[in-house]
Amino acid sequence: MSYAVDFTDVSTVGLESSPVADALAGLRANEARYFKNKYDHVFTVEPADKAKSTIEWIRNILEKERGIVIASPPLEAAAFQVENIKLAYVFYESGLSINVMYTVDDDGKRAVGFKLSDGMEIPEELSKFKFARQKSKLAGTIRGSYFVIKNEY
């Protein structure tokens, strides 16, 4: 069942199995607030078993671009388009959030972003990345990194 993420009343719905469920819920709510404020878009997620094509699209990009295979199981995913940008998110049990920003124009920006929930360690498969910190009222301290996508997907 789809879930419209509420950023005023943060809930761990769908994320309960994560050891950092509260922080991951805050991270998810932080994303929901961003898209509501910037694009007036309601950020909606669905369980991983209902979002296999989104999860597979991100898995394919990670593996082909950088040889990255995420060890943690996915809990939820979201896929949508705002303006000319296709976006996809996967929230993992470990507290990791991965998003793909893929501008549909041929000369547009395309990147993969990683965000780590407050309280989680950097996963071994992402140990080569440097993570910057940012404060969030909803998510505490978020650590993030990214890489630019070079191929077409």
N, C-alpha and C. Protein backbone atom coordinates (compact mmCIF):
# COMPACT_ATOMS: atom_id res chain seq x y z
N MET A 1 0.83 -1.18 0.00
CA MET A 1 0.00 0.00 0.00
C MET A 1 0.88 1.25 0.00
N SER A 2 0.56 2.20 -0.82
CA SER A 2 1.31 3.45 -0.90
C SER A 2 1.10 4.27 0.37
N TYR A 3 2.12 5.08 0.67
CA TYR A 3 2.08 5.91 1.88
C TYR A 3 2.58 7.30 1.53
N ALA A 4 1.70 8.30 1.69
CA ALA A 4 2.11 9.69 1.49
C ALA A 4 2.83 10.14 2.75
N VAL A 5 4.09 10.48 2.62
CA VAL A 5 4.93 10.80 3.77
C VAL A 5 4.52 12.15 4.36
N ASP A 6 4.25 12.15 5.65
CA ASP A 6 3.85 13.35 6.39
C ASP A 6 5.08 13.91 7.09
N PHE A 7 5.45 15.15 6.79
CA PHE A 7 6.63 15.73 7.41
C PHE A 7 6.29 16.58 8.63
N THR A 8 5.02 16.72 8.96
CA THR A 8 4.66 17.45 10.19
C THR A 8 4.46 16.47 11.35
N ASP A 9 4.00 15.25 11.06
CA ASP A 9 3.83 14.21 12.08
C ASP A 9 4.62 13.00 11.59
N VAL A 10 5.92 12.99 11.89
CA VAL A 10 6.83 11.97 11.37
C VAL A 10 6.47 10.60 11.93
N SER A 11 6.37 9.62 11.03
CA SER A 11 5.99 8.27 11.41
C SER A 11 7.00 7.26 10.87
N THR A 12 7.18 6.17 11.59
CA THR A 12 8.08 5.10 11.15
C THR A 12 7.35 4.03 10.33
N VAL A 13 6.12 4.30 9.90
CA VAL A 13 5.34 3.35 9.12
C VAL A 13 6.18 2.85 7.94
N GLY A 14 6.31 1.53 7.84
CA GLY A 14 7.07 0.91 6.76
C GLY A 14 8.55 0.76 7.03
N LEU A 15 9.03 1.41 8.08
CA LEU A 15 10.46 1.40 8.40
C LEU A 15 10.77 0.72 9.74
N GLU A 16 9.78 0.11 10.35
CA GLU A 16 9.90 -0.41 11.71
C GLU A 16 11.05 -1.40 11.91
N SER A 17 11.42 -2.15 10.88
CA SER A 17 12.48 -3.15 11.04
C SER A 17 13.88 -2.56 11.06
N SER A 18 14.02 -1.29 10.76
CA SER A 18 15.33 -0.65 10.75
C SER A 18 15.80 -0.39 12.18
N PRO A 19 17.08 -0.65 12.47
CA PRO A 19 17.61 -0.34 13.80
C PRO A 19 17.66 1.17 14.08
N VAL A 20 17.55 1.97 13.04
CA VAL A 20 17.54 3.43 13.18
C VAL A 20 16.24 3.98 12.58
N ALA A 21 15.13 3.30 12.88
CA ALA A 21 13.83 3.62 12.26
C ALA A 21 13.43 5.09 12.46
N ASP A 22 13.63 5.63 13.67
CA ASP A 22 13.24 7.02 13.92
C ASP A 22 14.04 7.99 13.06
N ALA A 23 15.35 7.76 12.96
CA ALA A 23 16.20 8.64 12.16
C ALA A 23 15.90 8.48 10.67
N LEU A 24 15.64 7.24 10.23
CA LEU A 24 15.31 7.00 8.83
C LEU A 24 13.96 7.65 8.48
N ALA A 25 13.01 7.58 9.41
CA ALA A 25 11.72 8.25 9.20
C ALA A 25 11.91 9.76 9.09
N GLY A 26 12.80 10.31 9.89
CA GLY A 26 13.11 11.74 9.81
C GLY A 26 13.76 12.10 8.49
N LEU A 27 14.64 11.24 8.01
CA LEU A 27 15.29 11.45 6.71
C LEU A 27 14.26 11.42 5.58
N ARG A 28 13.36 10.45 5.65
CA ARG A 28 12.29 10.34 4.65
C ARG A 28 11.39 11.58 4.69
N ALA A 29 11.05 12.03 5.90
CA ALA A 29 10.21 13.23 6.06
C ALA A 29 10.92 14.48 5.55
N ASN A 30 12.23 14.53 5.74
CA ASN A 30 13.03 15.65 5.23
C ASN A 30 12.92 15.74 3.71
N GLU A 31 12.98 14.60 3.04
CA GLU A 31 12.83 14.56 1.58
C GLU A 31 11.41 15.01 1.19
N ALA A 32 10.42 14.53 1.92
CA ALA A 32 9.02 14.88 1.64
C ALA A 32 8.81 16.39 1.76
N ARG A 33 9.38 16.99 2.78
CA ARG A 33 9.24 18.44 2.98
C ARG A 33 9.89 19.20 1.82
N TYR A 34 11.08 18.77 1.40
CA TYR A 34 11.78 19.42 0.29
C TYR A 34 10.91 19.43 -0.97
N PHE A 35 10.37 18.27 -1.35
CA PHE A 35 9.59 18.20 -2.58
C PHE A 35 8.26 18.93 -2.48
N LYS A 36 7.67 18.97 -1.30
CA LYS A 36 6.44 19.72 -1.13
C LYS A 36 6.71 21.22 -1.26
N ASN A 37 7.76 21.69 -0.61
CA ASN A 37 8.08 23.12 -0.64
C ASN A 37 8.59 23.59 -2.00
N LYS A 38 9.43 22.79 -2.65
CA LYS A 38 10.03 23.22 -3.91
C LYS A 38 9.12 22.99 -5.12
N TYR A 39 8.42 21.85 -5.15
CA TYR A 39 7.65 21.49 -6.34
C TYR A 39 6.16 21.28 -6.07
N ASP A 40 5.71 21.46 -4.84
CA ASP A 40 4.33 21.16 -4.44
C ASP A 40 3.97 19.72 -4.80
N HIS A 41 4.92 18.82 -4.59
CA HIS A 41 4.75 17.39 -4.88
C HIS A 41 4.61 16.62 -3.57
N VAL A 42 3.61 15.75 -3.50
CA VAL A 42 3.43 14.89 -2.33
C VAL A 42 4.32 13.66 -2.50
N PHE A 43 5.29 13.51 -1.59
CA PHE A 43 6.26 12.41 -1.63
C PHE A 43 5.57 11.14 -1.14
N THR A 44 5.42 10.18 -2.04
CA THR A 44 4.70 8.94 -1.72
C THR A 44 5.63 7.75 -1.94
N VAL A 45 5.66 6.87 -0.95
CA VAL A 45 6.50 5.67 -1.03
C VAL A 45 5.60 4.44 -1.08
N GLU A 46 6.19 3.34 -1.54
CA GLU A 46 5.48 2.08 -1.50
C GLU A 46 6.44 1.00 -1.01
N PRO A 47 5.89 -0.09 -0.46
CA PRO A 47 6.75 -1.16 0.04
C PRO A 47 7.64 -1.72 -1.07
N ALA A 48 8.79 -2.22 -0.67
CA ALA A 48 9.78 -2.72 -1.63
C ALA A 48 9.19 -3.79 -2.55
N ASP A 49 8.35 -4.66 -2.04
CA ASP A 49 7.79 -5.72 -2.89
C ASP A 49 6.84 -5.19 -3.96
N LYS A 50 6.38 -3.96 -3.83
CA LYS A 50 5.51 -3.33 -4.83
C LYS A 50 6.30 -2.39 -5.75
N ALA A 51 7.56 -2.16 -5.43
CA ALA A 51 8.38 -1.18 -6.17
C ALA A 51 9.61 -1.84 -6.79
N LYS A 52 9.46 -3.06 -7.24
CA LYS A 52 10.61 -3.82 -7.76
C LYS A 52 11.29 -3.15 -8.94
N SER A 53 10.52 -2.53 -9.85
CA SER A 53 11.14 -1.92 -11.03
C SER A 53 11.99 -0.70 -10.63
N THR A 54 11.54 0.08 -9.65
CA THR A 54 12.31 1.24 -9.18
C THR A 54 13.59 0.77 -8.51
N ILE A 55 13.48 -0.22 -7.65
CA ILE A 55 14.65 -0.75 -6.94
C ILE A 55 15.64 -1.35 -7.93
N GLU A 56 15.14 -2.05 -8.92
CA GLU A 56 16.00 -2.67 -9.94
C GLU A 56 16.70 -1.59 -10.78
N TRP A 57 16.00 -0.51 -11.12
CA TRP A 57 16.60 0.58 -11.90
C TRP A 57 17.79 1.19 -11.14
N ILE A 58 17.60 1.45 -9.85
CA ILE A 58 18.68 2.01 -9.04
C ILE A 58 19.80 0.99 -8.87
N ARG A 59 19.46 -0.28 -8.62
CA ARG A 59 20.46 -1.33 -8.46
C ARG A 59 21.32 -1.44 -9.72
N ASN A 60 20.69 -1.38 -10.87
CA ASN A 60 21.38 -1.46 -12.16
C ASN A 60 22.35 -0.29 -12.34
N ILE A 61 21.91 0.91 -12.04
CA ILE A 61 22.78 2.09 -12.17
C ILE A 61 23.99 1.96 -11.24
N LEU A 62 23.76 1.60 -9.99
CA LEU A 62 24.86 1.46 -9.02
C LEU A 62 25.88 0.43 -9.49
N GLU A 63 25.38 -0.72 -9.94
CA GLU A 63 26.29 -1.79 -10.34
C GLU A 63 27.06 -1.44 -11.61
N LYS A 64 26.38 -0.89 -12.61
CA LYS A 64 27.06 -0.60 -13.88
C LYS A 64 27.98 0.61 -13.79
N GLU A 65 27.59 1.63 -13.02
CA GLU A 65 28.41 2.84 -12.92
C GLU A 65 29.62 2.65 -12.01
N ARG A 66 29.44 1.99 -10.86
CA ARG A 66 30.50 1.92 -9.85
C ARG A 66 30.74 0.53 -9.27
N GLY A 67 30.05 -0.48 -9.74
CA GLY A 67 30.22 -1.83 -9.20
C GLY A 67 29.73 -1.96 -7.77
N ILE A 68 28.76 -1.14 -7.39
CA ILE A 68 28.24 -1.14 -6.01
C ILE A 68 27.03 -2.05 -5.91
N VAL A 69 27.05 -2.92 -4.91
CA VAL A 69 25.91 -3.77 -4.57
C VAL A 69 25.57 -3.50 -3.11
N ILE A 70 24.38 -3.01 -2.86
CA ILE A 70 23.96 -2.67 -1.50
C ILE A 70 23.58 -3.94 -0.76
N ALA A 71 24.17 -4.15 0.41
CA ALA A 71 23.94 -5.36 1.19
C ALA A 71 22.61 -5.33 1.94
N SER A 72 22.20 -4.19 2.39
CA SER A 72 20.99 -4.07 3.20
C SER A 72 19.73 -4.27 2.35
N PRO A 73 18.71 -4.91 2.93
CA PRO A 73 17.46 -5.07 2.17
C PRO A 73 16.69 -3.75 2.04
N PRO A 74 16.07 -3.53 0.88
CA PRO A 74 15.26 -2.33 0.71
C PRO A 74 13.94 -2.49 1.46
N LEU A 75 13.46 -1.38 2.03
CA LEU A 75 12.17 -1.38 2.73
C LEU A 75 11.09 -0.70 1.90
N GLU A 76 11.45 0.43 1.31
CA GLU A 76 10.48 1.23 0.55
C GLU A 76 11.16 1.90 -0.62
N ALA A 77 10.33 2.33 -1.57
CA ALA A 77 10.86 3.06 -2.72
C ALA A 77 9.82 4.06 -3.21
N ALA A 78 10.31 5.04 -3.94
CA ALA A 78 9.45 6.05 -4.55
C ALA A 78 10.01 6.37 -5.92
N ALA A 79 9.11 6.64 -6.86
CA ALA A 79 9.52 7.07 -8.20
C ALA A 79 8.50 8.08 -8.70
N PHE A 80 9.00 9.19 -9.23
CA PHE A 80 8.12 10.24 -9.72
C PHE A 80 8.91 11.18 -10.61
N GLN A 81 8.20 12.09 -11.26
CA GLN A 81 8.86 13.09 -12.08
C GLN A 81 8.32 14.46 -11.70
N VAL A 82 9.23 15.42 -11.52
CA VAL A 82 8.86 16.82 -11.32
C VAL A 82 9.58 17.62 -12.39
N GLU A 83 8.81 18.46 -13.07
CA GLU A 83 9.34 19.21 -14.21
C GLU A 83 10.01 18.23 -15.16
N ASN A 84 11.27 18.43 -15.50
CA ASN A 84 11.93 17.51 -16.44
C ASN A 84 12.91 16.57 -15.73
N ILE A 85 12.67 16.32 -14.45
CA ILE A 85 13.58 15.48 -13.66
C ILE A 85 12.85 14.22 -13.19
N LYS A 86 13.40 13.08 -13.58
CA LYS A 86 12.90 11.80 -13.09
C LYS A 86 13.65 11.50 -11.79
N LEU A 87 12.91 11.17 -10.74
CA LEU A 87 13.53 10.89 -9.45
C LEU A 87 13.11 9.53 -8.94
N ALA A 88 14.02 8.86 -8.27
CA ALA A 88 13.73 7.57 -7.66
C ALA A 88 14.47 7.50 -6.33
N TYR A 89 13.82 6.93 -5.33
CA TYR A 89 14.39 6.78 -3.99
C TYR A 89 14.22 5.35 -3.54
N VAL A 90 15.20 4.86 -2.80
CA VAL A 90 15.07 3.60 -2.08
C VAL A 90 15.55 3.84 -0.65
N PHE A 91 14.74 3.40 0.30
CA PHE A 91 15.09 3.48 1.72
C PHE A 91 15.39 2.06 2.19
N TYR A 92 16.58 1.89 2.78
CA TYR A 92 17.06 0.57 3.16
C TYR A 92 16.98 0.36 4.67
N GLU A 93 16.92 -0.91 5.06
CA GLU A 93 16.79 -1.27 6.47
C GLU A 93 17.94 -0.72 7.32
N SER A 94 19.12 -0.62 6.75
CA SER A 94 20.30 -0.14 7.49
C SER A 94 20.19 1.33 7.90
N GLY A 95 19.27 2.08 7.23
CA GLY A 95 19.16 3.52 7.45
C GLY A 95 19.66 4.32 6.27
N LEU A 96 20.13 3.63 5.24
CA LEU A 96 20.62 4.27 4.02
C LEU A 96 19.46 4.68 3.12
N SER A 97 19.60 5.84 2.50
CA SER A 97 18.67 6.28 1.48
C SER A 97 19.49 6.57 0.22
N ILE A 98 19.04 6.01 -0.90
CA ILE A 98 19.70 6.27 -2.18
C ILE A 98 18.67 6.90 -3.09
N ASN A 99 19.09 7.97 -3.77
CA ASN A 99 18.19 8.59 -4.74
C ASN A 99 18.93 8.78 -6.06
N VAL A 100 18.15 8.73 -7.13
CA VAL A 100 18.67 9.01 -8.46
C VAL A 100 17.91 10.21 -8.99
N MET A 101 18.67 11.22 -9.40
CA MET A 101 18.12 12.39 -10.06
C MET A 101 18.56 12.28 -11.52
N TYR A 102 17.58 12.16 -12.41
CA TYR A 102 17.87 11.88 -13.80
C TYR A 102 17.09 12.85 -14.68
N THR A 103 17.75 13.90 -15.12
CA THR A 103 17.11 14.88 -15.99
C THR A 103 16.84 14.23 -17.33
N VAL A 104 15.61 14.35 -17.82
CA VAL A 104 15.24 13.67 -19.06
C VAL A 104 15.83 14.32 -20.31
N ASP A 105 16.24 15.56 -20.23
CA ASP A 105 16.92 16.21 -21.36
C ASP A 105 18.28 15.56 -21.56
N ASP A 106 18.71 15.41 -22.81
CA ASP A 106 19.97 14.74 -23.10
C ASP A 106 21.18 15.38 -22.44
N ASP A 107 21.15 16.71 -22.28
CA ASP A 107 22.31 17.40 -21.71
C ASP A 107 22.10 17.72 -20.22
N GLY A 108 21.14 17.09 -19.60
CA GLY A 108 20.80 17.41 -18.22
C GLY A 108 21.69 16.74 -17.18
N LYS A 109 21.48 17.15 -15.93
CA LYS A 109 22.23 16.59 -14.82
C LYS A 109 21.66 15.23 -14.44
N ARG A 110 22.56 14.33 -14.11
CA ARG A 110 22.17 12.99 -13.68
C ARG A 110 23.13 12.56 -12.60
N ALA A 111 22.58 12.15 -11.46
CA ALA A 111 23.44 11.78 -10.33
C ALA A 111 22.75 10.79 -9.41
N VAL A 112 23.57 10.09 -8.65
CA VAL A 112 23.11 9.21 -7.58
C VAL A 112 23.53 9.84 -6.27
N GLY A 113 22.60 9.96 -5.34
CA GLY A 113 22.89 10.51 -4.02
C GLY A 113 22.72 9.47 -2.94
N PHE A 114 23.59 9.54 -1.96
CA PHE A 114 23.51 8.65 -0.80
C PHE A 114 23.30 9.51 0.44
N LYS A 115 22.39 9.10 1.31
CA LYS A 115 22.22 9.78 2.59
C LYS A 115 22.18 8.72 3.68
N LEU A 116 22.91 9.00 4.75
CA LEU A 116 22.99 8.08 5.88
C LEU A 116 22.19 8.64 7.04
N SER A 117 21.31 7.82 7.61
CA SER A 117 20.54 8.24 8.77
C SER A 117 21.45 8.44 9.97
N ASP A 118 21.02 9.34 10.84
CA ASP A 118 21.74 9.59 12.09
C ASP A 118 21.87 8.28 12.86
N GLY A 119 23.07 7.95 13.29
CA GLY A 119 23.28 6.75 14.11
C GLY A 119 23.74 5.52 13.35
N MET A 120 23.78 5.57 12.04
CA MET A 120 24.25 4.40 11.29
C MET A 120 25.70 4.58 10.86
N GLU A 121 26.38 3.46 10.70
CA GLU A 121 27.75 3.46 10.21
C GLU A 121 27.73 3.55 8.68
N ILE A 122 28.84 3.98 8.10
CA ILE A 122 28.96 3.99 6.64
C ILE A 122 29.05 2.54 6.19
N PRO A 123 28.16 2.12 5.28
CA PRO A 123 28.23 0.73 4.79
C PRO A 123 29.55 0.47 4.06
N GLU A 124 30.05 -0.74 4.19
CA GLU A 124 31.32 -1.12 3.57
C GLU A 124 31.32 -0.82 2.08
N GLU A 125 30.19 -1.06 1.40
CA GLU A 125 30.14 -0.85 -0.05
C GLU A 125 30.23 0.62 -0.45
N LEU A 126 30.08 1.53 0.52
CA LEU A 126 30.19 2.98 0.25
C LEU A 126 31.40 3.60 0.94
N SER A 127 32.32 2.79 1.40
CA SER A 127 33.47 3.28 2.18
C SER A 127 34.43 4.16 1.38
N LYS A 128 34.37 4.12 0.06
CA LYS A 128 35.26 4.94 -0.77
C LYS A 128 34.77 6.38 -0.91
N PHE A 129 33.52 6.64 -0.50
CA PHE A 129 32.94 7.97 -0.65
C PHE A 129 33.22 8.82 0.59
N LYS A 130 33.37 10.12 0.37
CA LYS A 130 33.48 11.08 1.47
C LYS A 130 32.08 11.63 1.70
N PHE A 131 31.68 11.71 2.96
CA PHE A 131 30.33 12.16 3.30
C PHE A 131 30.39 13.52 4.00
N ALA A 132 29.59 14.44 3.48
CA ALA A 132 29.45 15.76 4.10
C ALA A 132 28.28 15.69 5.08
N ARG A 133 28.33 16.53 6.10
CA ARG A 133 27.26 16.56 7.12
C ARG A 133 26.36 17.76 6.91
N GLN A 134 25.08 17.54 7.20
CA GLN A 134 24.13 18.64 7.21
C GLN A 134 23.14 18.39 8.35
N LYS A 135 22.71 19.46 8.97
CA LYS A 135 21.75 19.37 10.08
C LYS A 135 20.33 19.46 9.52
N SER A 136 19.43 18.72 10.14
CA SER A 136 18.03 18.74 9.76
C SER A 136 17.19 18.67 11.03
N LYS A 137 16.17 19.51 11.11
CA LYS A 137 15.26 19.45 12.27
C LYS A 137 14.53 18.12 12.31
N LEU A 138 14.25 17.56 11.16
CA LEU A 138 13.50 16.30 11.09
C LEU A 138 14.39 15.07 11.25
N ALA A 139 15.62 15.14 10.77
CA ALA A 139 16.46 13.94 10.69
C ALA A 139 17.74 14.01 11.52
N GLY A 140 17.95 15.06 12.30
CA GLY A 140 19.21 15.17 13.05
C GLY A 140 20.34 15.51 12.11
N THR A 141 21.43 14.77 12.21
CA THR A 141 22.57 14.97 11.31
C THR A 141 22.48 13.98 10.16
N ILE A 142 22.43 14.51 8.94
CA ILE A 142 22.42 13.68 7.74
C ILE A 142 23.81 13.74 7.14
N ARG A 143 24.35 12.59 6.79
CA ARG A 143 25.61 12.55 6.05
C ARG A 143 25.28 12.15 4.62
N GLY A 144 25.82 12.92 3.66
CA GLY A 144 25.49 12.66 2.27
C GLY A 144 26.68 12.68 1.35
N SER A 145 26.54 11.98 0.23
CA SER A 145 27.55 11.96 -0.81
C SER A 145 26.83 11.66 -2.12
N TYR A 146 27.55 11.75 -3.24
CA TYR A 146 26.93 11.48 -4.53
C TYR A 146 27.99 11.17 -5.57
N PHE A 147 27.53 10.71 -6.72
CA PHE A 147 28.40 10.62 -7.90
C PHE A 147 27.55 10.93 -9.13
N VAL A 148 28.21 11.40 -10.17
CA VAL A 148 27.56 11.77 -11.42
C VAL A 148 27.40 10.52 -12.28
N ILE A 149 26.23 10.36 -12.87
CA ILE A 149 25.96 9.24 -13.78
C ILE A 149 26.51 9.58 -15.16
N LYS A 150 27.28 8.66 -15.72
CA LYS A 150 27.92 8.91 -17.01
C LYS A 150 27.18 8.29 -18.19
N ASN A 151 26.45 7.22 -17.96
CA ASN A 151 25.76 6.51 -19.05
C ASN A 151 24.27 6.83 -19.05
N GLU A 152 23.56 6.24 -20.01
CA GLU A 152 22.11 6.46 -20.08
C GLU A 152 21.37 5.23 -19.57
N TYR A 153 20.30 5.49 -18.83
CA TYR A 153 19.50 4.40 -18.26
C TYR A 153 18.04 4.64 -18.50
